Amino acid sequence: MYAVIKTGGKQYKVAEGDFLKVEKLEGLVGDTVEFGEVLMVGGEAIKVGAPLVAGAKVTAKVAVQGRDKKVLVFKSKRRKNTRKLIGHRQHHTVLKIEKINA
């Protein structure tokens, strides 16, 4: 059984036991998170929502709260001898999908 959920402005296809890296969600490691925005549930019978599947819910557990690798941003202005190097590390949450309720 699988489902398509929406979180952080993106859509993800998930199945039970999967690990999923999403935008940062509030909560400590070990906390349970429920997603009510389920767009589709598949398996033996496919249920497609318009836009959401009524009564469907995906339960996940927070596995890791972390940060991505550093992305370097380099800015310069021509002929002005002006340069700036900026680093950015995005926060993310890794989830373990526990249960899909259709």
C-alpha atoms as a PDB file:
ATOM      1  CA  MET A   1       0.000   0.000   0.000  1.00  0.00           C
ATOM      2  CA  TYR A   2       1.236   3.481  -0.818  1.00  0.00           C
ATOM      3  CA  ALA A   3       0.001   7.046  -0.548  1.00  0.00           C
ATOM      4  CA  VAL A   4       0.751  10.479  -1.976  1.00  0.00           C
ATOM      5  CA  ILE A   5       0.978  13.147   0.733  1.00  0.00           C
ATOM      6  CA  LYS A   6       1.519  16.883   0.634  1.00  0.00           C
ATOM      7  CA  THR A   7       3.851  18.685   3.053  1.00  0.00           C
ATOM      8  CA  GLY A   8       6.068  21.726   2.771  1.00  0.00           C
ATOM      9  CA  GLY A   9       4.506  22.687  -0.564  1.00  0.00           C
ATOM     10  CA  LYS A  10       5.682  19.439  -2.188  1.00  0.00           C
ATOM     11  CA  GLN A  11       4.119  16.045  -2.892  1.00  0.00           C
ATOM     12  CA  TYR A  12       5.720  12.737  -1.893  1.00  0.00           C
ATOM     13  CA  LYS A  13       4.869   9.107  -2.683  1.00  0.00           C
ATOM     14  CA  VAL A  14       5.326   7.062   0.491  1.00  0.00           C
ATOM     15  CA  ALA A  15       4.895   3.457   1.593  1.00  0.00           C
ATOM     16  CA  GLU A  16       5.022   1.865   5.041  1.00  0.00           C
ATOM     17  CA  GLY A  17       8.604   1.533   6.297  1.00  0.00           C
ATOM     18  CA  ASP A  18      10.011   4.242   3.977  1.00  0.00           C
ATOM     19  CA  PHE A  19      12.324   7.006   5.154  1.00  0.00           C
ATOM     20  CA  LEU A  20      11.387  10.445   3.824  1.00  0.00           C
ATOM     21  CA  LYS A  21      13.421  13.690   3.929  1.00  0.00           C
ATOM     22  CA  VAL A  22      11.145  16.764   4.054  1.00  0.00           C
ATOM     23  CA  GLU A  23      11.314  20.439   4.959  1.00  0.00           C
ATOM     24  CA  LYS A  24      11.754  21.074   8.685  1.00  0.00           C
ATOM     25  CA  LEU A  25       8.819  20.039  10.862  1.00  0.00           C
ATOM     26  CA  GLU A  26       8.421  20.900  14.521  1.00  0.00           C
ATOM     27  CA  GLY A  27       8.992  18.044  16.953  1.00  0.00           C
ATOM     28  CA  LEU A  28      11.706  16.093  18.702  1.00  0.00           C
ATOM     29  CA  VAL A  29      13.274  12.815  17.603  1.00  0.00           C
ATOM     30  CA  GLY A  30      10.820  10.019  18.378  1.00  0.00           C
ATOM     31  CA  ASP A  31       7.686  12.184  18.148  1.00  0.00           C
ATOM     32  CA  THR A  32       4.744  11.098  16.009  1.00  0.00           C
ATOM     33  CA  VAL A  33       3.535  13.243  13.097  1.00  0.00           C
ATOM     34  CA  GLU A  34       0.211  12.784  11.272  1.00  0.00           C
ATOM     35  CA  PHE A  35      -0.460  13.972   7.733  1.00  0.00           C
ATOM     36  CA  GLY A  36      -4.102  14.642   6.901  1.00  0.00           C
ATOM     37  CA  GLU A  37      -3.412  16.011   3.417  1.00  0.00           C
ATOM     38  CA  VAL A  38      -3.488  12.689   1.552  1.00  0.00           C
ATOM     39  CA  LEU A  39      -3.990  13.168  -2.196  1.00  0.00           C
ATOM     40  CA  MET A  40      -4.098   9.508  -3.247  1.00  0.00           C
ATOM     41  CA  VAL A  41      -4.065   6.048  -1.694  1.00  0.00           C
ATOM     42  CA  GLY A  42      -3.020   3.053  -3.787  1.00  0.00           C
ATOM     43  CA  GLY A  43      -2.786  -0.672  -3.379  1.00  0.00           C
ATOM     44  CA  GLU A  44      -5.397  -3.211  -4.456  1.00  0.00           C
ATOM     45  CA  ALA A  45      -7.884  -0.404  -5.061  1.00  0.00           C
ATOM     46  CA  ILE A  46      -6.825   3.152  -5.896  1.00  0.00           C
ATOM     47  CA  LYS A  47      -8.562   6.082  -4.231  1.00  0.00           C
ATOM     48  CA  VAL A  48      -7.946   9.513  -5.732  1.00  0.00           C
ATOM     49  CA  GLY A  49      -9.064  12.574  -3.804  1.00  0.00           C
ATOM     50  CA  ALA A  50     -10.688  15.700  -5.146  1.00  0.00           C
ATOM     51  CA  PRO A  51      -8.399  17.252  -3.873  1.00  0.00           C
ATOM     52  CA  LEU A  52      -8.027  15.129  -0.677  1.00  0.00           C
ATOM     53  CA  VAL A  53      -9.046  11.575   0.188  1.00  0.00           C
ATOM     54  CA  ALA A  54     -11.697  11.767   2.908  1.00  0.00           C
ATOM     55  CA  GLY A  55     -10.671  10.094   6.160  1.00  0.00           C
ATOM     56  CA  ALA A  56      -7.201   9.091   4.959  1.00  0.00           C
ATOM     57  CA  LYS A  57      -4.252   9.650   7.263  1.00  0.00           C
ATOM     58  CA  VAL A  58      -0.525   8.860   7.216  1.00  0.00           C
ATOM     59  CA  THR A  59       1.344   8.420  10.503  1.00  0.00           C
ATOM     60  CA  ALA A  60       5.119   8.912  10.685  1.00  0.00           C
ATOM     61  CA  LYS A  61       7.793   9.066  13.370  1.00  0.00           C
ATOM     62  CA  VAL A  62      10.563  11.698  13.430  1.00  0.00           C
ATOM     63  CA  ALA A  63      13.875   9.879  12.920  1.00  0.00           C
ATOM     64  CA  VAL A  64      16.343  12.787  12.469  1.00  0.00           C
ATOM     65  CA  GLN A  65      16.264  16.568  12.810  1.00  0.00           C
ATOM     66  CA  GLY A  66      19.261  17.844  10.877  1.00  0.00           C
ATOM     67  CA  ARG A  67      20.773  20.137   8.288  1.00  0.00           C
ATOM     68  CA  ASP A  68      21.821  19.563   4.675  1.00  0.00           C
ATOM     69  CA  LYS A  69      25.274  20.010   3.198  1.00  0.00           C
ATOM     70  CA  LYS A  70      26.460  23.576   2.794  1.00  0.00           C
ATOM     71  CA  VAL A  71      25.565  25.359  -0.443  1.00  0.00           C
ATOM     72  CA  LEU A  72      27.964  28.171  -1.368  1.00  0.00           C
ATOM     73  CA  VAL A  73      26.591  31.358  -2.916  1.00  0.00           C
ATOM     74  CA  PHE A  74      29.135  33.660  -4.592  1.00  0.00           C
ATOM     75  CA  LYS A  75      28.183  37.216  -5.520  1.00  0.00           C
ATOM     76  CA  SER A  76      30.369  39.701  -7.365  1.00  0.00           C
ATOM     77  CA  LYS A  77      30.068  42.956  -9.247  1.00  0.00           C
ATOM     78  CA  ARG A  78      32.086  43.386 -12.390  1.00  0.00           C
ATOM     79  CA  ARG A  79      34.829  46.005 -12.457  1.00  0.00           C
ATOM     80  CA  LYS A  80      34.185  46.994  -8.809  1.00  0.00           C
ATOM     81  CA  ASN A  81      36.441  44.504  -6.974  1.00  0.00           C
ATOM     82  CA  THR A  82      33.433  43.517  -4.851  1.00  0.00           C
ATOM     83  CA  ARG A  83      33.005  39.878  -3.904  1.00  0.00           C
ATOM     84  CA  LYS A  84      30.919  38.096  -1.284  1.00  0.00           C
ATOM     85  CA  LEU A  85      30.851  34.386  -0.380  1.00  0.00           C
ATOM     86  CA  ILE A  86      27.844  33.171   1.580  1.00  0.00           C
ATOM     87  CA  GLY A  87      27.134  29.653   2.862  1.00  0.00           C
ATOM     88  CA  HIS A  88      23.670  28.227   3.521  1.00  0.00           C
ATOM     89  CA  ARG A  89      22.565  24.993   5.249  1.00  0.00           C
ATOM     90  CA  GLN A  90      18.866  24.131   4.985  1.00  0.00           C
ATOM     91  CA  HIS A  91      17.129  22.481   7.950  1.00  0.00           C
ATOM     92  CA  HIS A  92      15.337  19.197   7.246  1.00  0.00           C
ATOM     93  CA  THR A  93      13.475  16.406   9.003  1.00  0.00           C
ATOM     94  CA  VAL A  94      13.800  12.693   8.214  1.00  0.00           C
ATOM     95  CA  LEU A  95      10.607  10.710   8.824  1.00  0.00           C
ATOM     96  CA  LYS A  96       9.940   6.974   9.037  1.00  0.00           C
ATOM     97  CA  ILE A  97       6.485   6.155   7.669  1.00  0.00           C
ATOM     98  CA  GLU A  98       4.729   3.952  10.206  1.00  0.00           C
ATOM     99  CA  LYS A  99       1.140   3.483   9.011  1.00  0.00           C
ATOM    100  CA  ILE A 100      -1.197   4.422   6.166  1.00  0.00           C
ATOM    101  CA  ASN A 101      -4.891   4.580   7.052  1.00  0.00           C
ATOM    102  CA  ALA A 102      -7.281   4.667   4.110  1.00  0.00           C
END
